[in-house]
């Protein structure tokens, strides 16, 4: 059995989920470098990006709350979810509450339509999943780590 076959046999997708206002966003575990306590962010404060240092590397901070809702959370203490895009530098997403680990069925994951991605501020997401969560459902927007900046 090859690695490709093993990957195809996996019926769930492991995600790091985080609350962002009324939204829940998620990142594939394979793209997460680490989750750390938030450290100092160097920024002019005028945009949604900044800079921080993680493990001797500079990481671009992308305040998604500011990008999506025009209200910054960068000055609130919390965590950084550090992502490693396929190309480029580390990216740090500040969140105020502890991220969670979830395994969701792959058949719950759908590609977001291109028209939606091009017309909405949620163009940072490539997929969406609707999963049971208690007696309700939870909609997860899965981040495309290469579209954050």
C-alpha atoms as a PDB file:
ATOM      1  CA  UNK A   1       0.000   0.000   0.000  1.00  0.00           C
ATOM      2  CA  UNK A   2       1.513   3.349  -1.035  1.00  0.00           C
ATOM      3  CA  UNK A   3       1.400   6.634   0.827  1.00  0.00           C
ATOM      4  CA  UNK A   4      -1.010   7.981  -1.817  1.00  0.00           C
ATOM      5  CA  UNK A   5      -3.363   5.074  -1.183  1.00  0.00           C
ATOM      6  CA  UNK A   6      -3.175   5.676   2.554  1.00  0.00           C
ATOM      7  CA  UNK A   7      -4.048   9.358   2.053  1.00  0.00           C
ATOM      8  CA  UNK A   8      -7.040   8.404  -0.093  1.00  0.00           C
ATOM      9  CA  UNK A   9      -8.238   5.913   2.539  1.00  0.00           C
ATOM     10  CA  UNK A  10      -8.426   8.583   5.260  1.00  0.00           C
ATOM     11  CA  UNK A  11     -12.081   9.416   5.784  1.00  0.00           C
ATOM     12  CA  UNK A  12     -11.577  12.471   8.009  1.00  0.00           C
ATOM     13  CA  UNK A  13      -9.803  15.771   7.742  1.00  0.00           C
ATOM     14  CA  UNK A  14      -7.960  17.063  10.817  1.00  0.00           C
ATOM     15  CA  UNK A  15      -8.401  20.811  11.359  1.00  0.00           C
ATOM     16  CA  UNK A  16      -7.398  23.476  13.838  1.00  0.00           C
ATOM     17  CA  UNK A  17     -10.526  25.594  14.373  1.00  0.00           C
ATOM     18  CA  UNK A  18     -10.789  29.079  15.787  1.00  0.00           C
ATOM     19  CA  UNK A  19     -13.567  31.549  16.448  1.00  0.00           C
ATOM     20  CA  UNK A  20     -13.420  34.815  14.558  1.00  0.00           C
ATOM     21  CA  UNK A  21     -16.351  37.010  15.476  1.00  0.00           C
ATOM     22  CA  UNK A  22     -19.477  35.130  14.385  1.00  0.00           C
ATOM     23  CA  UNK A  23     -17.405  32.929  12.055  1.00  0.00           C
ATOM     24  CA  UNK A  24     -15.459  29.770  12.671  1.00  0.00           C
ATOM     25  CA  UNK A  25     -12.391  29.406  10.506  1.00  0.00           C
ATOM     26  CA  UNK A  26     -10.209  26.345  10.222  1.00  0.00           C
ATOM     27  CA  UNK A  27      -6.751  25.402   8.975  1.00  0.00           C
ATOM     28  CA  UNK A  28      -5.626  21.974   7.819  1.00  0.00           C
ATOM     29  CA  UNK A  29      -3.310  20.500  10.440  1.00  0.00           C
ATOM     30  CA  UNK A  30      -0.661  19.915   7.754  1.00  0.00           C
ATOM     31  CA  UNK A  31      -0.300  23.686   7.299  1.00  0.00           C
ATOM     32  CA  UNK A  32       0.001  24.518  11.012  1.00  0.00           C
ATOM     33  CA  UNK A  33       3.567  25.076  12.175  1.00  0.00           C
ATOM     34  CA  UNK A  34       2.541  25.556  15.806  1.00  0.00           C
ATOM     35  CA  UNK A  35       0.182  27.376  18.182  1.00  0.00           C
ATOM     36  CA  UNK A  36       1.863  29.722  20.668  1.00  0.00           C
ATOM     37  CA  UNK A  37       0.963  32.412  23.152  1.00  0.00           C
ATOM     38  CA  UNK A  38       0.722  35.737  21.374  1.00  0.00           C
ATOM     39  CA  UNK A  39       3.910  37.794  21.420  1.00  0.00           C
ATOM     40  CA  UNK A  40       4.641  41.406  20.486  1.00  0.00           C
ATOM     41  CA  UNK A  41       3.376  42.552  17.085  1.00  0.00           C
ATOM     42  CA  UNK A  42       5.329  45.220  15.226  1.00  0.00           C
ATOM     43  CA  UNK A  43       2.997  47.231  13.010  1.00  0.00           C
ATOM     44  CA  UNK A  44       1.941  50.747  12.065  1.00  0.00           C
ATOM     45  CA  UNK A  45      -1.594  49.768  13.080  1.00  0.00           C
ATOM     46  CA  UNK A  46      -3.000  51.145   9.835  1.00  0.00           C
ATOM     47  CA  UNK A  47      -3.387  47.835   8.001  1.00  0.00           C
ATOM     48  CA  UNK A  48      -4.215  44.267   8.881  1.00  0.00           C
ATOM     49  CA  UNK A  49      -0.619  42.975   8.760  1.00  0.00           C
ATOM     50  CA  UNK A  50       2.288  43.188  11.146  1.00  0.00           C
ATOM     51  CA  UNK A  51       5.424  41.304  12.069  1.00  0.00           C
ATOM     52  CA  UNK A  52       6.406  39.067  14.959  1.00  0.00           C
ATOM     53  CA  UNK A  53       9.300  36.733  15.748  1.00  0.00           C
ATOM     54  CA  UNK A  54       8.791  32.985  16.214  1.00  0.00           C
ATOM     55  CA  UNK A  55      11.658  30.550  16.805  1.00  0.00           C
ATOM     56  CA  UNK A  56      14.186  32.969  15.321  1.00  0.00           C
ATOM     57  CA  UNK A  57      12.072  33.550  12.196  1.00  0.00           C
ATOM     58  CA  UNK A  58      10.126  36.632  11.191  1.00  0.00           C
ATOM     59  CA  UNK A  59       6.438  35.819  10.724  1.00  0.00           C
ATOM     60  CA  UNK A  60       3.871  38.017   9.020  1.00  0.00           C
ATOM     61  CA  UNK A  61       0.921  38.622  11.337  1.00  0.00           C
ATOM     62  CA  UNK A  62      -2.420  38.707   9.519  1.00  0.00           C
ATOM     63  CA  UNK A  63      -5.173  40.109  11.740  1.00  0.00           C
ATOM     64  CA  UNK A  64      -8.118  38.408  10.055  1.00  0.00           C
ATOM     65  CA  UNK A  65     -10.562  40.125  12.380  1.00  0.00           C
ATOM     66  CA  UNK A  66      -9.297  43.480  11.067  1.00  0.00           C
ATOM     67  CA  UNK A  67      -9.208  42.239   7.460  1.00  0.00           C
ATOM     68  CA  UNK A  68     -12.762  40.881   7.542  1.00  0.00           C
ATOM     69  CA  UNK A  69     -14.554  43.155  10.014  1.00  0.00           C
ATOM     70  CA  UNK A  70     -12.340  46.291  10.092  1.00  0.00           C
ATOM     71  CA  UNK A  71     -11.864  45.923  13.858  1.00  0.00           C
ATOM     72  CA  UNK A  72      -8.454  44.880  15.153  1.00  0.00           C
ATOM     73  CA  UNK A  73      -7.911  42.270  17.862  1.00  0.00           C
ATOM     74  CA  UNK A  74      -4.109  42.421  17.598  1.00  0.00           C
ATOM     75  CA  UNK A  75      -3.787  44.330  20.885  1.00  0.00           C
ATOM     76  CA  UNK A  76      -5.804  41.709  22.798  1.00  0.00           C
ATOM     77  CA  UNK A  77      -3.876  38.885  24.415  1.00  0.00           C
ATOM     78  CA  UNK A  78      -4.438  35.401  23.082  1.00  0.00           C
ATOM     79  CA  UNK A  79      -2.686  33.015  20.730  1.00  0.00           C
ATOM     80  CA  UNK A  80      -0.987  32.891  17.375  1.00  0.00           C
ATOM     81  CA  UNK A  81      -1.848  30.068  15.018  1.00  0.00           C
ATOM     82  CA  UNK A  82       1.357  29.897  12.970  1.00  0.00           C
ATOM     83  CA  UNK A  83       0.943  28.601   9.418  1.00  0.00           C
ATOM     84  CA  UNK A  84       3.566  27.509   6.930  1.00  0.00           C
ATOM     85  CA  UNK A  85       2.346  28.340   3.413  1.00  0.00           C
ATOM     86  CA  UNK A  86       3.637  26.266   0.507  1.00  0.00           C
ATOM     87  CA  UNK A  87       5.687  29.278  -0.598  1.00  0.00           C
ATOM     88  CA  UNK A  88       6.885  32.173   1.503  1.00  0.00           C
ATOM     89  CA  UNK A  89       7.276  33.111   5.132  1.00  0.00           C
ATOM     90  CA  UNK A  90       5.480  31.918   8.235  1.00  0.00           C
ATOM     91  CA  UNK A  91       2.078  33.544   8.783  1.00  0.00           C
ATOM     92  CA  UNK A  92       0.676  34.199  12.263  1.00  0.00           C
ATOM     93  CA  UNK A  93      -3.073  34.533  12.810  1.00  0.00           C
ATOM     94  CA  UNK A  94      -3.959  36.143  16.155  1.00  0.00           C
ATOM     95  CA  UNK A  95      -6.964  34.670  17.970  1.00  0.00           C
ATOM     96  CA  UNK A  96      -8.324  35.567  21.398  1.00  0.00           C
ATOM     97  CA  UNK A  97      -9.550  32.118  22.427  1.00  0.00           C
ATOM     98  CA  UNK A  98      -7.806  28.784  22.428  1.00  0.00           C
ATOM     99  CA  UNK A  99      -7.934  27.008  19.041  1.00  0.00           C
ATOM    100  CA  UNK A 100      -9.443  23.509  18.926  1.00  0.00           C
ATOM    101  CA  UNK A 101      -8.547  20.331  17.084  1.00  0.00           C
ATOM    102  CA  UNK A 102     -11.373  18.695  15.101  1.00  0.00           C
ATOM    103  CA  UNK A 103     -11.621  15.671  12.848  1.00  0.00           C
ATOM    104  CA  UNK A 104     -14.400  16.130  10.314  1.00  0.00           C
ATOM    105  CA  UNK A 105     -15.669  13.725   7.672  1.00  0.00           C
ATOM    106  CA  UNK A 106     -14.163  14.513   4.263  1.00  0.00           C
ATOM    107  CA  UNK A 107     -17.566  14.210   2.619  1.00  0.00           C
ATOM    108  CA  UNK A 108     -18.717  17.262   4.631  1.00  0.00           C
ATOM    109  CA  UNK A 109     -16.068  19.453   2.933  1.00  0.00           C
ATOM    110  CA  UNK A 110     -17.084  21.366  -0.203  1.00  0.00           C
ATOM    111  CA  UNK A 111     -15.144  23.738  -2.444  1.00  0.00           C
ATOM    112  CA  UNK A 112     -16.325  27.340  -2.183  1.00  0.00           C
ATOM    113  CA  UNK A 113     -17.551  28.584  -5.558  1.00  0.00           C
ATOM    114  CA  UNK A 114     -15.055  30.830  -7.356  1.00  0.00           C
ATOM    115  CA  UNK A 115     -17.696  33.553  -7.764  1.00  0.00           C
ATOM    116  CA  UNK A 116     -18.146  33.674  -3.983  1.00  0.00           C
ATOM    117  CA  UNK A 117     -14.411  33.789  -3.339  1.00  0.00           C
ATOM    118  CA  UNK A 118     -13.983  36.649  -5.813  1.00  0.00           C
ATOM    119  CA  UNK A 119     -16.847  38.752  -4.443  1.00  0.00           C
ATOM    120  CA  UNK A 120     -16.688  38.297  -0.669  1.00  0.00           C
ATOM    121  CA  UNK A 121     -14.164  39.245   1.996  1.00  0.00           C
ATOM    122  CA  UNK A 122     -13.960  35.549   2.829  1.00  0.00           C
ATOM    123  CA  UNK A 123     -11.762  35.053  -0.239  1.00  0.00           C
ATOM    124  CA  UNK A 124      -9.213  33.694   2.245  1.00  0.00           C
ATOM    125  CA  UNK A 125     -11.234  30.474   2.447  1.00  0.00           C
ATOM    126  CA  UNK A 126     -11.087  27.766  -0.194  1.00  0.00           C
ATOM    127  CA  UNK A 127     -13.528  25.242   1.278  1.00  0.00           C
ATOM    128  CA  UNK A 128     -16.478  25.109   3.624  1.00  0.00           C
ATOM    129  CA  UNK A 129     -17.770  22.337   5.856  1.00  0.00           C
ATOM    130  CA  UNK A 130     -21.016  22.063   7.775  1.00  0.00           C
ATOM    131  CA  UNK A 131     -20.723  19.638  10.682  1.00  0.00           C
ATOM    132  CA  UNK A 132     -22.966  18.608  13.570  1.00  0.00           C
ATOM    133  CA  UNK A 133     -22.136  20.467  16.784  1.00  0.00           C
ATOM    134  CA  UNK A 134     -24.311  19.416  19.681  1.00  0.00           C
ATOM    135  CA  UNK A 135     -27.931  19.978  18.692  1.00  0.00           C
ATOM    136  CA  UNK A 136     -26.930  22.552  16.042  1.00  0.00           C
ATOM    137  CA  UNK A 137     -24.547  22.696  13.099  1.00  0.00           C
ATOM    138  CA  UNK A 138     -21.232  24.460  12.790  1.00  0.00           C
ATOM    139  CA  UNK A 139     -20.061  26.046   9.549  1.00  0.00           C
ATOM    140  CA  UNK A 140     -16.284  25.975   9.115  1.00  0.00           C
ATOM    141  CA  UNK A 141     -14.538  28.139   6.529  1.00  0.00           C
ATOM    142  CA  UNK A 142     -11.259  26.387   5.704  1.00  0.00           C
ATOM    143  CA  UNK A 143      -8.448  28.874   5.110  1.00  0.00           C
ATOM    144  CA  UNK A 144      -6.271  28.776   2.019  1.00  0.00           C
ATOM    145  CA  UNK A 145      -2.959  29.617   3.697  1.00  0.00           C
ATOM    146  CA  UNK A 146      -1.552  30.833   0.382  1.00  0.00           C
ATOM    147  CA  UNK A 147      -4.314  33.472   0.003  1.00  0.00           C
ATOM    148  CA  UNK A 148      -3.866  35.217   3.357  1.00  0.00           C
ATOM    149  CA  UNK A 149      -1.553  37.979   2.141  1.00  0.00           C
END
